[in-house]
């Protein structure tokens, strides 16, 4: 019988297909007038929670997003995928870039105190800052076991059996509940929200609050000094034979 409650993160980020442009002040990227969507790793997190509910392991899924008013659209997407209700931690538009992993982890820790979930599932990383820190920080604050970079999650005997993707291959671990998990892209294939579910999602509850309501200070600990475009890749050289190739490699100090 379903018994677990799951808290799932869903961050609003610039869509992965958008060409990123650096702002004129070189302190960030252009976000105005740019398509946004749910962070792909968070889609995997939502999908895994929904699958656990379909297996009668989970009884309730709570989707959480921290960001401006538009983040409610991301929560609605999660609700259409199968989440039961949402929580929106609202920050003024334009300040969401200042929400750093430690602050987000503290916000989730406060929500854990409030909602009493058995599992927290987050995306492994967000494609905007690529920090890959929130899950680990949250587990440390809560003093909960963690299963990061998960590609397989199974519930058995009150524990979660997790297959992790690590540099050397795959690692199988077992963690007691409650626990924090981060989802990798190979964990599952996220579903598309159907039109009937999109309509149903409009009626589902989204609770709105601020970091101040939770008593969390989101003042940035790190300061961005400069953002630059990656260097343009130089054209390659064609060489007639191996001897010429070796000479050029020696000239450039590669061998």
Protein backbone atom coordinates (compact mmCIF):
# COMPACT_ATOMS: atom_id res chain seq x y z
CA UNK A 1 0.00 0.00 0.00
CA UNK A 2 1.27 3.50 -0.90
CA UNK A 3 2.76 5.20 2.13
CA UNK A 4 5.58 7.54 1.05
CA UNK A 5 5.39 11.28 0.50
CA UNK A 6 7.80 12.78 -2.00
CA UNK A 7 9.04 16.34 -2.36
CA UNK A 8 10.36 17.05 -5.87
CA UNK A 9 12.25 20.08 -7.17
CA UNK A 10 11.44 21.62 -10.56
CA UNK A 11 13.52 24.63 -11.59
CA UNK A 12 12.62 27.08 -14.36
CA UNK A 13 15.61 27.51 -16.66
CA UNK A 14 16.34 28.83 -20.14
CA UNK A 15 15.28 26.13 -22.60
CA UNK A 16 18.11 23.81 -23.61
CA UNK A 17 17.57 24.56 -27.31
CA UNK A 18 18.03 28.34 -26.92
CA UNK A 19 21.31 29.94 -28.00
CA UNK A 20 22.66 31.67 -24.91
CA UNK A 21 23.71 35.33 -25.16
CA UNK A 22 25.89 37.13 -22.61
CA UNK A 23 24.48 40.39 -21.21
CA UNK A 24 26.18 43.66 -22.20
CA UNK A 25 27.38 44.12 -18.59
CA UNK A 26 29.05 40.67 -18.71
CA UNK A 27 27.52 39.71 -15.35
CA UNK A 28 25.05 37.11 -16.61
CA UNK A 29 23.09 35.93 -19.63
CA UNK A 30 20.09 37.45 -21.37
CA UNK A 31 16.84 36.05 -19.93
CA UNK A 32 14.21 38.57 -21.08
CA UNK A 33 12.20 37.44 -24.08
CA UNK A 34 13.87 34.02 -24.01
CA UNK A 35 12.00 30.70 -23.91
CA UNK A 36 12.12 28.97 -20.53
CA UNK A 37 11.15 25.43 -19.55
CA UNK A 38 11.63 22.91 -16.75
CA UNK A 39 15.20 21.85 -16.07
CA UNK A 40 15.63 18.50 -17.94
CA UNK A 41 17.11 16.72 -14.89
CA UNK A 42 14.09 17.85 -12.85
CA UNK A 43 11.79 16.32 -15.47
CA UNK A 44 13.48 13.00 -14.67
CA UNK A 45 12.93 13.63 -10.96
CA UNK A 46 9.20 14.30 -11.47
CA UNK A 47 8.86 11.29 -13.76
CA UNK A 48 10.48 8.97 -11.22
CA UNK A 49 8.17 10.19 -8.46
CA UNK A 50 5.14 9.62 -10.70
CA UNK A 51 6.31 6.11 -11.57
CA UNK A 52 6.74 5.33 -7.88
CA UNK A 53 3.18 6.50 -7.32
CA UNK A 54 1.93 4.27 -10.15
CA UNK A 55 3.66 1.34 -8.42
CA UNK A 56 1.66 2.18 -5.25
CA UNK A 57 4.85 3.09 -3.39
CA UNK A 58 4.10 6.82 -3.13
CA UNK A 59 0.84 8.40 -1.96
CA UNK A 60 1.58 12.09 -2.58
CA UNK A 61 3.94 14.11 -4.78
CA UNK A 62 4.65 17.75 -3.95
CA UNK A 63 6.38 19.81 -6.66
CA UNK A 64 8.49 22.76 -5.51
CA UNK A 65 9.97 25.60 -7.54
CA UNK A 66 11.93 28.64 -6.38
CA UNK A 67 11.81 31.65 -8.66
CA UNK A 68 9.71 34.51 -10.04
CA UNK A 69 5.97 34.39 -10.74
CA UNK A 70 6.61 32.59 -14.05
CA UNK A 71 7.88 29.59 -12.09
CA UNK A 72 4.25 28.68 -11.50
CA UNK A 73 4.15 27.59 -15.15
CA UNK A 74 6.91 25.09 -14.37
CA UNK A 75 4.95 23.82 -11.38
CA UNK A 76 1.84 23.44 -13.57
CA UNK A 77 3.90 21.29 -15.93
CA UNK A 78 4.91 19.08 -13.00
CA UNK A 79 1.27 18.88 -11.90
CA UNK A 80 0.25 17.89 -15.43
CA UNK A 81 2.88 15.14 -15.39
CA UNK A 82 1.33 13.70 -12.24
CA UNK A 83 2.33 15.70 -9.15
CA UNK A 84 -0.52 16.25 -6.67
CA UNK A 85 0.13 19.81 -5.51
CA UNK A 86 2.74 22.51 -5.75
CA UNK A 87 4.68 24.95 -3.60
CA UNK A 88 6.06 28.13 -5.14
CA UNK A 89 8.85 29.92 -3.28
CA UNK A 90 8.57 33.31 -4.96
CA UNK A 91 11.44 35.76 -5.37
CA UNK A 92 11.28 39.04 -7.31
CA UNK A 93 11.88 38.75 -11.05
CA UNK A 94 15.50 39.42 -11.89
CA UNK A 95 16.81 38.13 -8.57
CA UNK A 96 16.41 34.42 -9.28
CA UNK A 97 20.02 34.29 -10.54
CA UNK A 98 21.09 35.13 -6.98
CA UNK A 99 19.44 31.97 -5.61
CA UNK A 100 22.51 29.87 -4.99
CA UNK A 101 22.58 26.13 -4.08
CA UNK A 102 23.09 26.66 -0.34
CA UNK A 103 20.07 28.98 -0.10
CA UNK A 104 17.92 26.57 -2.10
CA UNK A 105 19.04 23.67 0.11
CA UNK A 106 18.06 25.66 3.21
CA UNK A 107 14.65 26.40 1.66
CA UNK A 108 14.07 22.71 0.97
CA UNK A 109 15.21 21.83 4.50
CA UNK A 110 12.52 24.15 5.90
CA UNK A 111 9.93 22.60 3.58
CA UNK A 112 10.97 19.15 4.78
CA UNK A 113 10.26 20.27 8.36
CA UNK A 114 6.85 21.53 7.24
CA UNK A 115 5.75 18.76 4.87
CA UNK A 116 7.45 15.72 6.49
CA UNK A 117 8.28 13.88 3.24
CA UNK A 118 9.97 10.48 3.19
CA UNK A 119 11.97 11.17 0.03
CA UNK A 120 13.27 14.31 -1.66
CA UNK A 121 14.09 13.94 -5.36
CA UNK A 122 16.00 16.68 -7.18
CA UNK A 123 17.60 16.89 -10.60
CA UNK A 124 21.31 16.09 -10.54
CA UNK A 125 22.07 19.63 -11.66
CA UNK A 126 20.46 22.62 -13.34
CA UNK A 127 21.54 23.34 -16.91
CA UNK A 128 21.90 27.06 -16.22
CA UNK A 129 24.53 27.05 -13.45
CA UNK A 130 25.60 23.36 -13.58
CA UNK A 131 26.36 23.45 -9.86
CA UNK A 132 25.39 19.87 -8.90
CA UNK A 133 25.41 20.90 -5.22
CA UNK A 134 21.86 21.27 -3.89
CA UNK A 135 21.20 17.57 -3.25
CA UNK A 136 24.44 17.08 -1.34
CA UNK A 137 23.99 20.26 0.69
CA UNK A 138 20.39 19.35 1.56
CA UNK A 139 21.37 15.85 2.68
CA UNK A 140 24.08 17.37 4.86
CA UNK A 141 21.71 19.88 6.46
CA UNK A 142 19.07 17.21 7.13
CA UNK A 143 21.64 14.54 8.06
CA UNK A 144 19.82 12.16 5.70
CA UNK A 145 21.44 9.51 3.48
CA UNK A 146 21.80 10.48 -0.16
CA UNK A 147 21.80 8.70 -3.49
CA UNK A 148 23.22 11.04 -6.10
CA UNK A 149 23.35 10.68 -9.90
CA UNK A 150 20.77 7.90 -9.79
CA UNK A 151 20.05 5.91 -12.95
CA UNK A 152 17.91 3.25 -11.20
CA UNK A 153 15.73 3.62 -8.09
CA UNK A 154 13.86 0.68 -6.53
CA UNK A 155 11.89 0.53 -3.28
CA UNK A 156 12.23 -2.64 -1.24
CA UNK A 157 11.82 -3.51 2.45
CA UNK A 158 11.54 0.11 3.51
CA UNK A 159 14.77 1.06 1.74
CA UNK A 160 15.75 2.48 -1.63
CA UNK A 161 18.13 0.53 -3.83
CA UNK A 162 19.92 2.98 -6.11
CA UNK A 163 22.26 2.51 -9.05
CA UNK A 164 24.59 5.50 -9.33
CA UNK A 165 26.53 6.61 -12.38
CA UNK A 166 30.13 7.22 -11.30
CA UNK A 167 33.39 7.80 -13.17
CA UNK A 168 34.36 4.13 -12.98
CA UNK A 169 30.99 2.78 -14.15
CA UNK A 170 27.95 1.94 -12.02
CA UNK A 171 27.68 1.73 -8.24
CA UNK A 172 24.81 -0.01 -6.39
CA UNK A 173 23.90 1.32 -2.95
CA UNK A 174 21.05 0.90 -0.47
CA UNK A 175 19.82 3.82 1.64
CA UNK A 176 17.44 3.97 4.57
CA UNK A 177 14.48 6.34 4.53
CA UNK A 178 14.11 9.26 4.73
CA UNK A 179 16.60 10.04 1.98
CA UNK A 180 17.58 12.55 -0.69
CA UNK A 181 18.05 11.49 -4.32
CA UNK A 182 19.36 13.29 -7.38
CA UNK A 183 18.15 12.13 -10.79
CA UNK A 184 20.41 11.55 -13.76
CA UNK A 185 19.15 11.72 -17.35
CA UNK A 186 19.27 7.94 -17.77
CA UNK A 187 16.95 7.35 -14.82
CA UNK A 188 13.90 7.37 -17.10
CA UNK A 189 12.22 8.93 -20.13
CA UNK A 190 9.95 11.77 -18.94
CA UNK A 191 6.40 11.65 -20.23
CA UNK A 192 4.65 14.37 -22.17
CA UNK A 193 1.74 15.95 -20.36
CA UNK A 194 -1.54 15.12 -22.10
CA UNK A 195 -4.17 17.79 -22.76
CA UNK A 196 -6.65 16.34 -20.21
CA UNK A 197 -3.92 16.33 -17.55
CA UNK A 198 -2.90 19.89 -18.45
CA UNK A 199 -6.51 20.95 -17.89
CA UNK A 200 -6.67 19.05 -14.57
CA UNK A 201 -3.41 20.68 -13.46
CA UNK A 202 -5.04 24.11 -13.63
CA UNK A 203 -7.31 23.07 -10.75
CA UNK A 204 -4.57 21.66 -8.54
CA UNK A 205 -3.38 23.72 -5.58
CA UNK A 206 -0.18 25.77 -5.62
CA UNK A 207 0.80 27.23 -2.26
CA UNK A 208 2.82 30.43 -2.50
CA UNK A 209 5.35 31.67 0.03
CA UNK A 210 8.64 33.57 0.20
CA UNK A 211 12.06 32.67 1.59
CA UNK A 212 11.35 35.16 4.39
CA UNK A 213 8.23 33.19 5.34
CA UNK A 214 10.50 30.20 5.91
CA UNK A 215 13.12 32.23 7.73
CA UNK A 216 15.79 31.65 5.09
CA UNK A 217 18.36 34.28 4.16
CA UNK A 218 19.02 34.00 0.41
CA UNK A 219 21.76 36.64 0.27
CA UNK A 220 24.35 35.36 -2.25
CA UNK A 221 27.57 33.97 -0.81
CA UNK A 222 29.36 34.09 -4.16
CA UNK A 223 29.79 37.07 -6.49
CA UNK A 224 29.93 36.75 -10.28
CA UNK A 225 32.87 38.75 -11.55
CA UNK A 226 32.49 38.20 -15.26
CA UNK A 227 30.64 36.03 -17.78
CA UNK A 228 32.16 35.53 -21.23
CA UNK A 229 31.31 33.53 -24.32
CA UNK A 230 33.40 30.40 -24.85
CA UNK A 231 36.29 30.92 -27.29
CA UNK A 232 35.55 30.28 -30.94
CA UNK A 233 37.09 27.02 -32.04
CA UNK A 234 40.01 27.57 -34.40
CA UNK A 235 40.00 25.88 -37.80
CA UNK A 236 42.08 22.72 -38.13
CA UNK A 237 45.13 22.23 -40.36
CA UNK A 238 45.51 19.57 -43.03
CA UNK A 239 48.89 17.89 -43.30
CA UNK A 240 50.19 15.73 -46.16
CA UNK A 241 51.86 13.02 -44.08
CA UNK A 242 52.68 11.74 -40.60
CA UNK A 243 56.12 13.37 -40.54
CA UNK A 244 54.58 16.83 -41.06
CA UNK A 245 51.98 16.08 -38.37
CA UNK A 246 54.72 15.19 -35.88
CA UNK A 247 56.63 18.36 -36.72
CA UNK A 248 53.57 20.55 -36.13
CA UNK A 249 52.79 18.81 -32.82
CA UNK A 250 56.36 19.46 -31.66
CA UNK A 251 56.16 23.11 -32.77
CA UNK A 252 53.06 23.62 -30.63
CA UNK A 253 54.51 21.83 -27.62
CA UNK A 254 52.04 18.92 -27.65
CA UNK A 255 54.77 16.26 -27.70
